[in-house]
Each structure stands twice: as C-alpha cells, then as structure tokens.
Amino acid sequence: MNLGLFAFQAVPDAPRSEGTLHSAPPAGEPVASAPGGMGLFMPLLILIPFILILFFQSRSQTKKQEASIAGLKKGDRVLTQSGLVGRLLSIEGRYAKLELPPSGTKVTILRSGLLGRDTETEPAAADTSTDKPKSS
C-alpha cells in the first residue's frame, strides 16, 4: 500500500522583508482600496424598508384577526386553523368551546386557533354552475 500519496509536503515559508510589516505593491499594479462608507451602508438601506414592510403587514394582519374573533358570538358557525368547522358554544379567556356536527362532539381549542366566522355556502350551489352538454 502506497501511503506516500497522502503525505503532506513541507512548503518553506515565504521570504519576509526586514523592517516592514507590509510590502509595497509592485509598480504598475492597481492598489485595492478599502470600500467607502456608503458602500457598507447600501445593503442596510435596501433591507430596512423590506423589514419594516413585513413588520407592519404582520401587525395589520394580527389586528384584523383579533377584530374577527372579537365579533364572534355564541351559536356562530366558525372555522379553525386546523380546518374544523363547528358551532361556537363560548369564548372564555384563552379558550373557545366548539360543538362539531354531526356527532355533537364538544371540543376546547385555543382562542388563537379560531380563524373566524365560516360562510355557510352550500356545495350543491357550486355544482349547478358547471356547464352541461346540450342535447339537440
């Protein structure tokens, strides 16, 4: 087995000039300068408005959700974030009690799990809008 393939090669250190910490670039090559102050702040100037938009949009959505939940009353048909549909029995503090049809099972969920009032549209109404072939 040839282990010489995996051996590290000893490389001598680069020559150092005496008395100077940094060597001057050779003549004729451009000197790289440090980025200006505006170049450092440009990414921040671009990102800050996007962060603010996301923050205010989130606050607006939270306010709408709270207003929707505050408008609920006993007996409303409600929809939860998990997709359950039921009748609201009560809202007490952090919790809401629902009755799920058709079995009448009563469940307690977090108030924040409520999406709001469910619109009671019949699925049969959607079926009547489909086009039927005409017979001649």
C-alpha atoms as a PDB file:
ATOM      1  CA  MET A   1       0.000   0.000   0.000  1.00  0.00           C
ATOM      2  CA  ASN A   2       1.414   3.381  -1.004  1.00  0.00           C
ATOM      3  CA  LEU A   3       0.810   5.884   1.836  1.00  0.00           C
ATOM      4  CA  GLY A   4       3.136   8.461   0.288  1.00  0.00           C
ATOM      5  CA  LEU A   5       0.189   9.684  -1.740  1.00  0.00           C
ATOM      6  CA  PHE A   6      -1.466  11.026   1.430  1.00  0.00           C
ATOM      7  CA  ALA A   7       1.674  12.595   2.935  1.00  0.00           C
ATOM      8  CA  PHE A   8       1.800  16.369   3.325  1.00  0.00           C
ATOM      9  CA  GLN A   9       4.567  18.176   1.554  1.00  0.00           C
ATOM     10  CA  ALA A  10       6.723  20.545   3.566  1.00  0.00           C
ATOM     11  CA  VAL A  11       6.487  24.001   1.983  1.00  0.00           C
ATOM     12  CA  PRO A  12       9.008  26.652   3.093  1.00  0.00           C
ATOM     13  CA  ASP A  13       7.720  29.978   4.414  1.00  0.00           C
ATOM     14  CA  ALA A  14       7.530  32.927   2.043  1.00  0.00           C
ATOM     15  CA  PRO A  15      10.529  35.283   2.239  1.00  0.00           C
ATOM     16  CA  ARG A  16       9.986  38.260   4.526  1.00  0.00           C
ATOM     17  CA  SER A  17      11.394  41.715   4.082  1.00  0.00           C
ATOM     18  CA  GLU A  18      13.223  43.044   7.100  1.00  0.00           C
ATOM     19  CA  GLY A  19      11.854  46.098   8.920  1.00  0.00           C
ATOM     20  CA  THR A  20       8.457  46.426   7.204  1.00  0.00           C
ATOM     21  CA  LEU A  21       5.187  44.821   8.161  1.00  0.00           C
ATOM     22  CA  HIS A  22       3.597  45.223   4.740  1.00  0.00           C
ATOM     23  CA  SER A  23       5.379  45.159   1.452  1.00  0.00           C
ATOM     24  CA  ALA A  24       4.558  47.780  -1.154  1.00  0.00           C
ATOM     25  CA  PRO A  25       2.805  46.512  -4.297  1.00  0.00           C
ATOM     26  CA  PRO A  26       4.950  46.329  -7.396  1.00  0.00           C
ATOM     27  CA  ALA A  27       4.847  49.335  -9.699  1.00  0.00           C
ATOM     28  CA  GLY A  28       2.202  49.259 -12.394  1.00  0.00           C
ATOM     29  CA  GLU A  29      -0.389  47.198 -10.488  1.00  0.00           C
ATOM     30  CA  PRO A  30      -3.578  48.929  -9.233  1.00  0.00           C
ATOM     31  CA  VAL A  31      -3.878  49.348  -5.491  1.00  0.00           C
ATOM     32  CA  ALA A  32      -7.029  47.875  -3.918  1.00  0.00           C
ATOM     33  CA  SER A  33      -8.628  50.465  -1.666  1.00  0.00           C
ATOM     34  CA  ALA A  34     -10.944  49.897   1.256  1.00  0.00           C
ATOM     35  CA  PRO A  35     -14.665  50.251   0.455  1.00  0.00           C
ATOM     36  CA  GLY A  36     -16.132  53.658   1.096  1.00  0.00           C
ATOM     37  CA  GLY A  37     -18.550  54.375   3.938  1.00  0.00           C
ATOM     38  CA  MET A  38     -21.565  54.437   1.619  1.00  0.00           C
ATOM     39  CA  GLY A  39     -20.722  51.005   0.238  1.00  0.00           C
ATOM     40  CA  LEU A  40     -21.078  49.498   3.692  1.00  0.00           C
ATOM     41  CA  PHE A  41     -24.464  51.074   4.364  1.00  0.00           C
ATOM     42  CA  MET A  42     -26.043  50.355   0.975  1.00  0.00           C
ATOM     43  CA  PRO A  43     -27.225  46.809   1.891  1.00  0.00           C
ATOM     44  CA  LEU A  44     -28.773  48.202   5.068  1.00  0.00           C
ATOM     45  CA  LEU A  45     -30.565  50.933   3.142  1.00  0.00           C
ATOM     46  CA  ILE A  46     -32.041  48.278   0.892  1.00  0.00           C
ATOM     47  CA  LEU A  47     -33.040  45.794   3.621  1.00  0.00           C
ATOM     48  CA  ILE A  48     -34.526  48.156   6.227  1.00  0.00           C
ATOM     49  CA  PRO A  49     -37.633  49.128   4.172  1.00  0.00           C
ATOM     50  CA  PHE A  50     -38.407  45.462   3.466  1.00  0.00           C
ATOM     51  CA  ILE A  51     -38.125  44.585   7.145  1.00  0.00           C
ATOM     52  CA  LEU A  52     -40.423  47.470   8.073  1.00  0.00           C
ATOM     53  CA  ILE A  53     -42.993  46.439   5.458  1.00  0.00           C
ATOM     54  CA  LEU A  54     -43.054  42.873   6.822  1.00  0.00           C
ATOM     55  CA  PHE A  55     -43.364  44.133  10.413  1.00  0.00           C
ATOM     56  CA  PHE A  56     -46.291  46.485   9.721  1.00  0.00           C
ATOM     57  CA  GLN A  57     -48.035  43.947   7.494  1.00  0.00           C
ATOM     58  CA  SER A  58     -47.858  41.384  10.302  1.00  0.00           C
ATOM     59  CA  ARG A  59     -49.301  43.865  12.811  1.00  0.00           C
ATOM     60  CA  SER A  60     -52.146  44.720  10.436  1.00  0.00           C
ATOM     61  CA  GLN A  61     -52.989  41.057   9.907  1.00  0.00           C
ATOM     62  CA  THR A  62     -52.965  40.415  13.673  1.00  0.00           C
ATOM     63  CA  LYS A  63     -55.353  43.334  14.264  1.00  0.00           C
ATOM     64  CA  LYS A  64     -57.764  42.014  11.602  1.00  0.00           C
ATOM     65  CA  GLN A  65     -57.651  38.536  13.169  1.00  0.00           C
ATOM     66  CA  GLU A  66     -58.397  39.918  16.649  1.00  0.00           C
ATOM     67  CA  ALA A  67     -61.280  42.010  15.297  1.00  0.00           C
ATOM     68  CA  SER A  68     -62.690  38.936  13.548  1.00  0.00           C
ATOM     69  CA  ILE A  69     -62.560  36.876  16.751  1.00  0.00           C
ATOM     70  CA  ALA A  70     -63.996  39.716  18.852  1.00  0.00           C
ATOM     71  CA  GLY A  71     -67.026  39.864  16.523  1.00  0.00           C
ATOM     72  CA  LEU A  72     -67.964  36.218  17.134  1.00  0.00           C
ATOM     73  CA  LYS A  73     -70.983  35.381  19.273  1.00  0.00           C
ATOM     74  CA  LYS A  74     -72.481  32.216  20.700  1.00  0.00           C
ATOM     75  CA  GLY A  75     -74.021  29.976  18.032  1.00  0.00           C
ATOM     76  CA  ASP A  76     -71.886  31.241  15.116  1.00  0.00           C
ATOM     77  CA  ARG A  77     -70.513  28.704  12.676  1.00  0.00           C
ATOM     78  CA  VAL A  78     -66.721  29.084  12.954  1.00  0.00           C
ATOM     79  CA  LEU A  79     -63.654  27.759  11.172  1.00  0.00           C
ATOM     80  CA  THR A  80     -60.432  26.801  12.970  1.00  0.00           C
ATOM     81  CA  GLN A  81     -56.855  26.884  11.695  1.00  0.00           C
ATOM     82  CA  SER A  82     -56.830  23.086  11.633  1.00  0.00           C
ATOM     83  CA  GLY A  83     -59.848  23.034   9.305  1.00  0.00           C
ATOM     84  CA  LEU A  84     -62.547  22.078  11.802  1.00  0.00           C
ATOM     85  CA  VAL A  85     -65.960  23.654  11.316  1.00  0.00           C
ATOM     86  CA  GLY A  86     -68.326  23.873  14.254  1.00  0.00           C
ATOM     87  CA  ARG A  87     -70.780  25.931  16.272  1.00  0.00           C
ATOM     88  CA  LEU A  88     -69.304  28.276  18.871  1.00  0.00           C
ATOM     89  CA  LEU A  89     -70.544  27.494  22.372  1.00  0.00           C
ATOM     90  CA  SER A  90     -68.461  30.000  24.343  1.00  0.00           C
ATOM     91  CA  ILE A  91     -65.247  32.008  24.442  1.00  0.00           C
ATOM     92  CA  GLU A  92     -63.661  32.246  27.876  1.00  0.00           C
ATOM     93  CA  GLY A  93     -60.224  33.841  28.229  1.00  0.00           C
ATOM     94  CA  ARG A  94     -57.706  31.915  26.124  1.00  0.00           C
ATOM     95  CA  TYR A  95     -60.068  29.086  25.209  1.00  0.00           C
ATOM     96  CA  ALA A  96     -63.093  28.609  22.977  1.00  0.00           C
ATOM     97  CA  LYS A  97     -65.580  25.723  23.125  1.00  0.00           C
ATOM     98  CA  LEU A  98     -66.985  24.324  19.891  1.00  0.00           C
ATOM     99  CA  GLU A  99     -69.589  21.721  19.028  1.00  0.00           C
ATOM    100  CA  LEU A 100     -68.703  19.698  15.952  1.00  0.00           C
ATOM    101  CA  PRO A 101     -71.526  18.409  13.756  1.00  0.00           C
ATOM    102  CA  PRO A 102     -72.987  15.815  13.089  1.00  0.00           C
ATOM    103  CA  SER A 103     -71.894  13.863  16.207  1.00  0.00           C
ATOM    104  CA  GLY A 104     -72.237  16.810  18.560  1.00  0.00           C
ATOM    105  CA  THR A 105     -68.715  16.326  19.942  1.00  0.00           C
ATOM    106  CA  LYS A 106     -67.623  19.238  22.104  1.00  0.00           C
ATOM    107  CA  VAL A 107     -64.002  20.363  21.871  1.00  0.00           C
ATOM    108  CA  THR A 108     -61.987  23.079  23.571  1.00  0.00           C
ATOM    109  CA  ILE A 109     -59.400  24.907  21.471  1.00  0.00           C
ATOM    110  CA  LEU A 110     -57.188  27.925  21.942  1.00  0.00           C
ATOM    111  CA  ARG A 111     -58.833  31.207  21.031  1.00  0.00           C
ATOM    112  CA  SER A 112     -55.903  31.950  18.717  1.00  0.00           C
ATOM    113  CA  GLY A 113     -56.817  28.772  16.781  1.00  0.00           C
ATOM    114  CA  LEU A 114     -60.043  30.351  15.528  1.00  0.00           C
ATOM    115  CA  LEU A 115     -59.908  31.840  12.043  1.00  0.00           C
ATOM    116  CA  GLY A 116     -63.317  33.473  12.162  1.00  0.00           C
ATOM    117  CA  ARG A 117     -66.892  33.059  11.024  1.00  0.00           C
ATOM    118  CA  ASP A 118     -67.454  30.444   8.317  1.00  0.00           C
ATOM    119  CA  THR A 119     -69.539  31.410   5.328  1.00  0.00           C
ATOM    120  CA  GLU A 120     -72.333  28.895   5.011  1.00  0.00           C
ATOM    121  CA  THR A 121     -72.340  28.258   1.274  1.00  0.00           C
ATOM    122  CA  GLU A 122     -73.874  25.044   0.075  1.00  0.00           C
ATOM    123  CA  PRO A 123     -71.709  22.728  -2.048  1.00  0.00           C
ATOM    124  CA  ALA A 124     -74.763  21.979  -4.227  1.00  0.00           C
ATOM    125  CA  ALA A 125     -74.798  25.609  -5.394  1.00  0.00           C
ATOM    126  CA  ALA A 126     -71.309  25.129  -6.846  1.00  0.00           C
ATOM    127  CA  ASP A 127     -72.443  22.065  -8.813  1.00  0.00           C
ATOM    128  CA  THR A 128     -75.191  23.965 -10.629  1.00  0.00           C
ATOM    129  CA  SER A 129     -72.693  26.401 -12.132  1.00  0.00           C
ATOM    130  CA  THR A 130     -70.934  23.709 -14.186  1.00  0.00           C
ATOM    131  CA  ASP A 131     -71.713  23.609 -17.883  1.00  0.00           C
ATOM    132  CA  LYS A 132     -73.798  20.657 -19.034  1.00  0.00           C
ATOM    133  CA  PRO A 133     -73.649  19.440 -22.610  1.00  0.00           C
ATOM    134  CA  LYS A 134     -76.649  20.489 -24.667  1.00  0.00           C
ATOM    135  CA  SER A 135     -78.551  17.771 -26.459  1.00  0.00           C
ATOM    136  CA  SER A 136     -80.036  18.625 -29.860  1.00  0.00           C
END
